[in-house]
Amino acid sequence: MFSRHKLMLGSIVVLVLALGWRYPLFGLVVPVVVVSGLTVSVFRGRYFCGNWCPRGAFLDSLPVPVSGWRALPELFKSRSFRWAAVAVLFSVMIGRGLQDPASVEHWGSVFWQMCLVTTAIALVLAVVYRPRAWCAICPVGTLQGTLGGQRYRLTIEPTCQSCGLCEKHCPLSLPIVASRSAGHIESPDCLKCGRCQAVCPVNAVGKPAEKKVKKN
């Protein structure tokens, strides 16, 4: 799902990776993005992931056809595996940062290195599985889903025909049809990206506010 704002967001990742090795302060963009995502998650779950995350936008721009997407490993759905990833990422990041805690440039360098490593992993997963495969195990995404995964749920109307188009186009291949009886997407990992809403042939999927307007 390509757009101008996705191009602009994705370019942030390119700039940080390209310049951060020489100018470490560029690495400080990383904690700004992390804090922004966590703040938004309190009110809208993983909305930031699906709409404003620079790396997410970068991955969305990769030329990988939807028809070629592969199913994500069951391991990626394991809560223990995902929380282990959270523990490892933040332990390494904090441990390296505390080697010179008073230096802002040092922290910038640490964040740049973490961005480089995780982006490299994300690219490998994008090639092997699908563009947003990294989002299934992203430590920051896991935290966002935990903080507000049950907020701002996209709704599913009874008119849903269970055709499965929404799941085919979902970046994380979430079980959307299975949530039909609940009236909303139940998974806390929903990115609120709008792909399911865009491809639904009967307009059965929508944002909470939009559905309220239609009912009044």
C-alpha atoms as a PDB file:
ATOM      1  CA  MET A   1       0.000   0.000   0.000  1.00  0.00           C
ATOM      2  CA  PHE A   2       2.116   2.805  -1.382  1.00  0.00           C
ATOM      3  CA  SER A   3       1.499   6.482  -0.659  1.00  0.00           C
ATOM      4  CA  ARG A   4       3.421   9.724  -0.414  1.00  0.00           C
ATOM      5  CA  HIS A   5       3.322   9.763   3.361  1.00  0.00           C
ATOM      6  CA  LYS A   6       4.653   6.169   3.452  1.00  0.00           C
ATOM      7  CA  LEU A   7       7.490   7.247   1.151  1.00  0.00           C
ATOM      8  CA  MET A   8       8.359  10.128   3.466  1.00  0.00           C
ATOM      9  CA  LEU A   9       8.241   7.940   6.571  1.00  0.00           C
ATOM     10  CA  GLY A  10      10.270   5.198   4.934  1.00  0.00           C
ATOM     11  CA  SER A  11      12.931   7.708   3.939  1.00  0.00           C
ATOM     12  CA  ILE A  12      13.555   8.368   7.648  1.00  0.00           C
ATOM     13  CA  VAL A  13      14.871   4.811   8.014  1.00  0.00           C
ATOM     14  CA  VAL A  14      17.121   5.232   4.998  1.00  0.00           C
ATOM     15  CA  LEU A  15      18.530   8.510   6.314  1.00  0.00           C
ATOM     16  CA  VAL A  16      19.148   7.157   9.814  1.00  0.00           C
ATOM     17  CA  LEU A  17      20.911   4.053   8.514  1.00  0.00           C
ATOM     18  CA  ALA A  18      22.914   5.963   5.905  1.00  0.00           C
ATOM     19  CA  LEU A  19      24.073   8.818   8.151  1.00  0.00           C
ATOM     20  CA  GLY A  20      23.993   7.338  11.642  1.00  0.00           C
ATOM     21  CA  TRP A  21      27.351   5.589  11.313  1.00  0.00           C
ATOM     22  CA  ARG A  22      29.014   8.959  10.685  1.00  0.00           C
ATOM     23  CA  TYR A  23      26.725  11.181  12.734  1.00  0.00           C
ATOM     24  CA  PRO A  24      25.529   9.153  15.758  1.00  0.00           C
ATOM     25  CA  LEU A  25      22.971  11.745  16.795  1.00  0.00           C
ATOM     26  CA  PHE A  26      20.784  10.512  13.930  1.00  0.00           C
ATOM     27  CA  GLY A  27      20.354   7.366  15.984  1.00  0.00           C
ATOM     28  CA  LEU A  28      18.325   9.337  18.520  1.00  0.00           C
ATOM     29  CA  VAL A  29      15.459   9.272  16.046  1.00  0.00           C
ATOM     30  CA  VAL A  30      14.940   5.660  17.162  1.00  0.00           C
ATOM     31  CA  PRO A  31      13.899   6.358  20.788  1.00  0.00           C
ATOM     32  CA  VAL A  32      11.668   9.205  19.580  1.00  0.00           C
ATOM     33  CA  VAL A  33       9.829   6.747  17.324  1.00  0.00           C
ATOM     34  CA  VAL A  34       9.638   4.144  20.098  1.00  0.00           C
ATOM     35  CA  VAL A  35       8.205   6.569  22.648  1.00  0.00           C
ATOM     36  CA  SER A  36       5.743   7.932  20.091  1.00  0.00           C
ATOM     37  CA  GLY A  37       4.528   4.436  19.270  1.00  0.00           C
ATOM     38  CA  LEU A  38       4.112   3.461  22.907  1.00  0.00           C
ATOM     39  CA  THR A  39       2.246   6.688  23.690  1.00  0.00           C
ATOM     40  CA  VAL A  40      -0.200   6.231  20.812  1.00  0.00           C
ATOM     41  CA  SER A  41      -0.709   2.583  21.758  1.00  0.00           C
ATOM     42  CA  VAL A  42      -2.326   3.535  25.051  1.00  0.00           C
ATOM     43  CA  PHE A  43      -5.226   4.990  23.058  1.00  0.00           C
ATOM     44  CA  ARG A  44      -5.184   3.101  19.745  1.00  0.00           C
ATOM     45  CA  GLY A  45      -3.183  -0.080  20.153  1.00  0.00           C
ATOM     46  CA  ARG A  46      -0.853  -0.739  17.225  1.00  0.00           C
ATOM     47  CA  TYR A  47      -2.273   2.078  15.103  1.00  0.00           C
ATOM     48  CA  PHE A  48       1.153   3.736  15.049  1.00  0.00           C
ATOM     49  CA  CYS A  49       2.659   0.527  13.646  1.00  0.00           C
ATOM     50  CA  GLY A  50       0.240   0.411  10.763  1.00  0.00           C
ATOM     51  CA  ASN A  51       0.182   4.090   9.882  1.00  0.00           C
ATOM     52  CA  TRP A  52       3.148   6.062  11.230  1.00  0.00           C
ATOM     53  CA  CYS A  53       6.049   3.718  11.918  1.00  0.00           C
ATOM     54  CA  PRO A  54       8.979   4.673   9.644  1.00  0.00           C
ATOM     55  CA  ARG A  55      10.269   1.116   9.383  1.00  0.00           C
ATOM     56  CA  GLY A  56       6.771  -0.195   8.777  1.00  0.00           C
ATOM     57  CA  ALA A  57       6.384   2.320   5.938  1.00  0.00           C
ATOM     58  CA  PHE A  58       9.783   1.286   4.595  1.00  0.00           C
ATOM     59  CA  LEU A  59       8.756  -2.378   4.583  1.00  0.00           C
ATOM     60  CA  ASP A  60       5.412  -1.540   2.971  1.00  0.00           C
ATOM     61  CA  SER A  61       7.316   0.029   0.086  1.00  0.00           C
ATOM     62  CA  LEU A  62       9.197  -3.167  -0.752  1.00  0.00           C
ATOM     63  CA  PRO A  63       8.242  -4.645  -4.152  1.00  0.00           C
ATOM     64  CA  VAL A  64       6.907  -7.957  -2.814  1.00  0.00           C
ATOM     65  CA  PRO A  65       3.604  -9.072  -4.429  1.00  0.00           C
ATOM     66  CA  VAL A  66       0.707 -10.042  -2.157  1.00  0.00           C
ATOM     67  CA  SER A  67       0.243 -13.297  -4.097  1.00  0.00           C
ATOM     68  CA  GLY A  68       3.734 -14.350  -3.078  1.00  0.00           C
ATOM     69  CA  TRP A  69       3.263 -13.931   0.683  1.00  0.00           C
ATOM     70  CA  ARG A  70       4.066 -17.005   2.746  1.00  0.00           C
ATOM     71  CA  ALA A  71       2.434 -17.981   6.028  1.00  0.00           C
ATOM     72  CA  LEU A  72       4.285 -16.816   9.113  1.00  0.00           C
ATOM     73  CA  PRO A  73       5.841 -19.486  11.372  1.00  0.00           C
ATOM     74  CA  GLU A  74       3.816 -20.535  14.398  1.00  0.00           C
ATOM     75  CA  LEU A  75       6.830 -19.523  16.488  1.00  0.00           C
ATOM     76  CA  PHE A  76       6.132 -15.891  15.625  1.00  0.00           C
ATOM     77  CA  LYS A  77       2.751 -16.216  17.346  1.00  0.00           C
ATOM     78  CA  SER A  78       4.263 -17.578  20.549  1.00  0.00           C
ATOM     79  CA  ARG A  79       3.979 -15.070  23.402  1.00  0.00           C
ATOM     80  CA  SER A  80       6.994 -16.562  25.167  1.00  0.00           C
ATOM     81  CA  PHE A  81       9.132 -16.184  22.036  1.00  0.00           C
ATOM     82  CA  ARG A  82       8.003 -12.618  21.496  1.00  0.00           C
ATOM     83  CA  TRP A  83       8.614 -11.604  25.095  1.00  0.00           C
ATOM     84  CA  ALA A  84      12.018 -13.249  24.923  1.00  0.00           C
ATOM     85  CA  ALA A  85      12.726 -10.981  21.938  1.00  0.00           C
ATOM     86  CA  VAL A  86      11.645  -7.982  24.037  1.00  0.00           C
ATOM     87  CA  ALA A  87      13.976  -9.004  26.857  1.00  0.00           C
ATOM     88  CA  VAL A  88      16.949  -9.619  24.565  1.00  0.00           C
ATOM     89  CA  LEU A  89      16.577  -6.399  22.561  1.00  0.00           C
ATOM     90  CA  PHE A  90      16.193  -4.086  25.539  1.00  0.00           C
ATOM     91  CA  SER A  91      18.843  -5.890  27.602  1.00  0.00           C
ATOM     92  CA  VAL A  92      21.410  -5.553  24.833  1.00  0.00           C
ATOM     93  CA  MET A  93      20.442  -1.945  24.128  1.00  0.00           C
ATOM     94  CA  ILE A  94      20.575  -0.859  27.772  1.00  0.00           C
ATOM     95  CA  GLY A  95      23.719  -2.861  28.462  1.00  0.00           C
ATOM     96  CA  ARG A  96      25.579  -1.250  25.579  1.00  0.00           C
ATOM     97  CA  GLY A  97      24.257   2.179  26.432  1.00  0.00           C
ATOM     98  CA  LEU A  98      25.458   1.953  30.019  1.00  0.00           C
ATOM     99  CA  GLN A  99      29.021   1.449  28.811  1.00  0.00           C
ATOM    100  CA  ASP A 100      29.150   5.241  28.457  1.00  0.00           C
ATOM    101  CA  PRO A 101      25.858   6.513  29.900  1.00  0.00           C
ATOM    102  CA  ALA A 102      26.819  10.197  29.976  1.00  0.00           C
ATOM    103  CA  SER A 103      27.564  10.404  26.261  1.00  0.00           C
ATOM    104  CA  VAL A 104      24.637  11.384  24.056  1.00  0.00           C
ATOM    105  CA  GLU A 105      26.603  10.404  20.956  1.00  0.00           C
ATOM    106  CA  HIS A 106      27.272   6.985  22.437  1.00  0.00           C
ATOM    107  CA  TRP A 107      23.564   6.417  22.987  1.00  0.00           C
ATOM    108  CA  GLY A 108      22.923   7.602  19.446  1.00  0.00           C
ATOM    109  CA  SER A 109      25.440   5.089  18.165  1.00  0.00           C
ATOM    110  CA  VAL A 110      23.803   2.299  20.187  1.00  0.00           C
ATOM    111  CA  PHE A 111      20.358   3.109  18.811  1.00  0.00           C
ATOM    112  CA  TRP A 112      21.767   3.273  15.293  1.00  0.00           C
ATOM    113  CA  GLN A 113      23.365  -0.156  15.679  1.00  0.00           C
ATOM    114  CA  MET A 114      20.120  -1.630  16.988  1.00  0.00           C
ATOM    115  CA  CYS A 115      18.235  -0.065  14.084  1.00  0.00           C
ATOM    116  CA  LEU A 116      20.759  -1.503  11.633  1.00  0.00           C
ATOM    117  CA  VAL A 117      20.579  -5.038  13.058  1.00  0.00           C
ATOM    118  CA  THR A 118      16.801  -5.172  13.398  1.00  0.00           C
ATOM    119  CA  THR A 119      16.264  -3.678   9.934  1.00  0.00           C
ATOM    120  CA  ALA A 120      18.584  -6.313   8.469  1.00  0.00           C
ATOM    121  CA  ILE A 121      16.519  -9.014  10.174  1.00  0.00           C
ATOM    122  CA  ALA A 122      13.327  -7.366   8.949  1.00  0.00           C
ATOM    123  CA  LEU A 123      14.590  -7.410   5.358  1.00  0.00           C
ATOM    124  CA  VAL A 124      15.457 -11.099   5.551  1.00  0.00           C
ATOM    125  CA  LEU A 125      12.016 -11.915   6.928  1.00  0.00           C
ATOM    126  CA  ALA A 126      10.431  -9.750   4.231  1.00  0.00           C
ATOM    127  CA  VAL A 127      12.113 -11.783   1.509  1.00  0.00           C
ATOM    128  CA  VAL A 128      11.422 -15.163   3.104  1.00  0.00           C
ATOM    129  CA  TYR A 129       7.839 -14.535   4.264  1.00  0.00           C
ATOM    130  CA  ARG A 130       6.181 -11.170   3.616  1.00  0.00           C
ATOM    131  CA  PRO A 131       7.053  -7.439   3.858  1.00  0.00           C
ATOM    132  CA  ARG A 132       5.700  -6.934   7.372  1.00  0.00           C
ATOM    133  CA  ALA A 133       6.816 -10.273   8.855  1.00  0.00           C
ATOM    134  CA  TRP A 134       9.076  -8.393  11.270  1.00  0.00           C
ATOM    135  CA  CYS A 135       6.023  -6.678  12.768  1.00  0.00           C
ATOM    136  CA  ALA A 136       4.837 -10.043  14.064  1.00  0.00           C
ATOM    137  CA  ILE A 137       7.820 -10.260  16.425  1.00  0.00           C
ATOM    138  CA  CYS A 138       8.856  -6.613  16.765  1.00  0.00           C
ATOM    139  CA  PRO A 139       9.558  -6.024  20.480  1.00  0.00           C
ATOM    140  CA  VAL A 140       8.118  -2.520  20.372  1.00  0.00           C
ATOM    141  CA  GLY A 141       5.039  -3.854  18.583  1.00  0.00           C
ATOM    142  CA  THR A 142       4.609  -6.493  21.276  1.00  0.00           C
ATOM    143  CA  LEU A 143       4.666  -3.772  23.929  1.00  0.00           C
ATOM    144  CA  GLN A 144       2.156  -1.687  21.971  1.00  0.00           C
ATOM    145  CA  GLY A 145      -0.223  -4.606  21.625  1.00  0.00           C
ATOM    146  CA  THR A 146       0.032  -5.269  25.349  1.00  0.00           C
ATOM    147  CA  LEU A 147      -0.568  -1.650  26.328  1.00  0.00           C
ATOM    148  CA  GLY A 148      -3.581  -0.977  24.124  1.00  0.00           C
ATOM    149  CA  GLY A 149      -4.302  -3.918  21.851  1.00  0.00           C
ATOM    150  CA  GLN A 150      -7.958  -3.931  22.888  1.00  0.00           C
ATOM    151  CA  ARG A 151      -8.486  -0.264  22.056  1.00  0.00           C
ATOM    152  CA  TYR A 152      -9.752   1.219  18.803  1.00  0.00           C
ATOM    153  CA  ARG A 153     -10.784  -2.151  17.401  1.00  0.00           C
ATOM    154  CA  LEU A 154     -11.796  -2.221  13.754  1.00  0.00           C
ATOM    155  CA  THR A 155     -15.394  -3.340  13.493  1.00  0.00           C
ATOM    156  CA  ILE A 156     -16.862  -6.207  11.474  1.00  0.00           C
ATOM    157  CA  GLU A 157     -20.484  -5.920  10.354  1.00  0.00           C
ATOM    158  CA  PRO A 158     -22.870  -8.907  10.045  1.00  0.00           C
ATOM    159  CA  THR A 159     -22.779  -8.345   6.280  1.00  0.00           C
ATOM    160  CA  CYS A 160     -19.344 -10.026   6.245  1.00  0.00           C
ATOM    161  CA  GLN A 161     -19.402 -12.895   3.712  1.00  0.00           C
ATOM    162  CA  SER A 162     -16.325 -14.665   5.127  1.00  0.00           C
ATOM    163  CA  CYS A 163     -14.648 -14.472   1.720  1.00  0.00           C
ATOM    164  CA  GLY A 164     -11.194 -14.200   3.293  1.00  0.00           C
ATOM    165  CA  LEU A 165      -9.944 -11.304   1.173  1.00  0.00           C
ATOM    166  CA  CYS A 166      -9.214  -9.323   4.330  1.00  0.00           C
ATOM    167  CA  GLU A 167      -6.973 -12.065   5.702  1.00  0.00           C
ATOM    168  CA  LYS A 168      -5.186 -12.458   2.372  1.00  0.00           C
ATOM    169  CA  HIS A 169      -4.257  -8.783   2.379  1.00  0.00           C
ATOM    170  CA  CYS A 170      -3.605  -8.444   6.116  1.00  0.00           C
ATOM    171  CA  PRO A 171       0.126  -7.777   6.662  1.00  0.00           C
ATOM    172  CA  LEU A 172       0.162 -10.237   9.566  1.00  0.00           C
ATOM    173  CA  SER A 173      -2.485 -12.625   8.183  1.00  0.00           C
ATOM    174  CA  LEU A 174      -4.606 -12.243  11.304  1.00  0.00           C
ATOM    175  CA  PRO A 175      -7.747 -14.402  11.751  1.00  0.00           C
ATOM    176  CA  ILE A 176     -10.166 -11.619  10.892  1.00  0.00           C
ATOM    177  CA  VAL A 177     -13.057 -13.794   9.711  1.00  0.00           C
ATOM    178  CA  ALA A 178     -12.993 -15.723  12.973  1.00  0.00           C
ATOM    179  CA  SER A 179     -13.730 -12.430  14.768  1.00  0.00           C
ATOM    180  CA  ARG A 180     -16.948 -11.889  12.834  1.00  0.00           C
ATOM    181  CA  SER A 181     -19.195 -13.039  15.691  1.00  0.00           C
ATOM    182  CA  ALA A 182     -17.448 -10.643  18.099  1.00  0.00           C
ATOM    183  CA  GLY A 183     -18.226  -7.694  15.839  1.00  0.00           C
ATOM    184  CA  HIS A 184     -14.644  -6.457  15.849  1.00  0.00           C
ATOM    185  CA  ILE A 185     -11.111  -7.697  15.137  1.00  0.00           C
ATOM    186  CA  GLU A 186     -10.063  -9.340  18.364  1.00  0.00           C
ATOM    187  CA  SER A 187      -6.315  -9.740  17.841  1.00  0.00           C
ATOM    188  CA  PRO A 188      -4.255  -7.192  19.825  1.00  0.00           C
ATOM    189  CA  ASP A 189      -1.758  -7.289  16.954  1.00  0.00           C
ATOM    190  CA  CYS A 190      -4.105  -5.607  14.481  1.00  0.00           C
ATOM    191  CA  LEU A 191      -2.104  -2.757  12.930  1.00  0.00           C
ATOM    192  CA  LYS A 192      -5.198  -0.723  12.044  1.00  0.00           C
ATOM    193  CA  CYS A 193      -3.577  -0.195   8.643  1.00  0.00           C
ATOM    194  CA  GLY A 194      -6.873  -0.263   6.752  1.00  0.00           C
ATOM    195  CA  ARG A 195      -5.930  -2.914   4.194  1.00  0.00           C
ATOM    196  CA  CYS A 196      -8.803  -5.177   5.226  1.00  0.00           C
ATOM    197  CA  GLN A 197     -11.210  -2.280   5.032  1.00  0.00           C
ATOM    198  CA  ALA A 198      -9.983  -1.297   1.577  1.00  0.00           C
ATOM    199  CA  VAL A 199     -10.399  -4.749   0.001  1.00  0.00           C
ATOM    200  CA  CYS A 200     -13.686  -5.796   1.634  1.00  0.00           C
ATOM    201  CA  PRO A 201     -16.211  -6.150  -1.237  1.00  0.00           C
ATOM    202  CA  VAL A 202     -19.228  -5.454   1.015  1.00  0.00           C
ATOM    203  CA  ASN A 203     -17.710  -2.738   3.235  1.00  0.00           C
ATOM    204  CA  ALA A 204     -18.084  -4.951   6.300  1.00  0.00           C
ATOM    205  CA  VAL A 205     -14.861  -3.803   7.959  1.00  0.00           C
ATOM    206  CA  GLY A 206     -14.440  -0.288   9.271  1.00  0.00           C
ATOM    207  CA  LYS A 207     -13.074   1.987  11.950  1.00  0.00           C
ATOM    208  CA  PRO A 208     -15.159   2.322  15.132  1.00  0.00           C
ATOM    209  CA  ALA A 209     -15.963   6.013  14.599  1.00  0.00           C
ATOM    210  CA  GLU A 210     -17.032   5.440  10.992  1.00  0.00           C
ATOM    211  CA  LYS A 211     -19.443   2.689  11.947  1.00  0.00           C
ATOM    212  CA  LYS A 212     -20.969   4.855  14.676  1.00  0.00           C
ATOM    213  CA  VAL A 213     -21.635   7.611  12.136  1.00  0.00           C
ATOM    214  CA  LYS A 214     -23.384   5.172   9.812  1.00  0.00           C
ATOM    215  CA  LYS A 215     -25.625   3.876  12.565  1.00  0.00           C
ATOM    216  CA  ASN A 216     -26.822   7.317  13.696  1.00  0.00           C
END
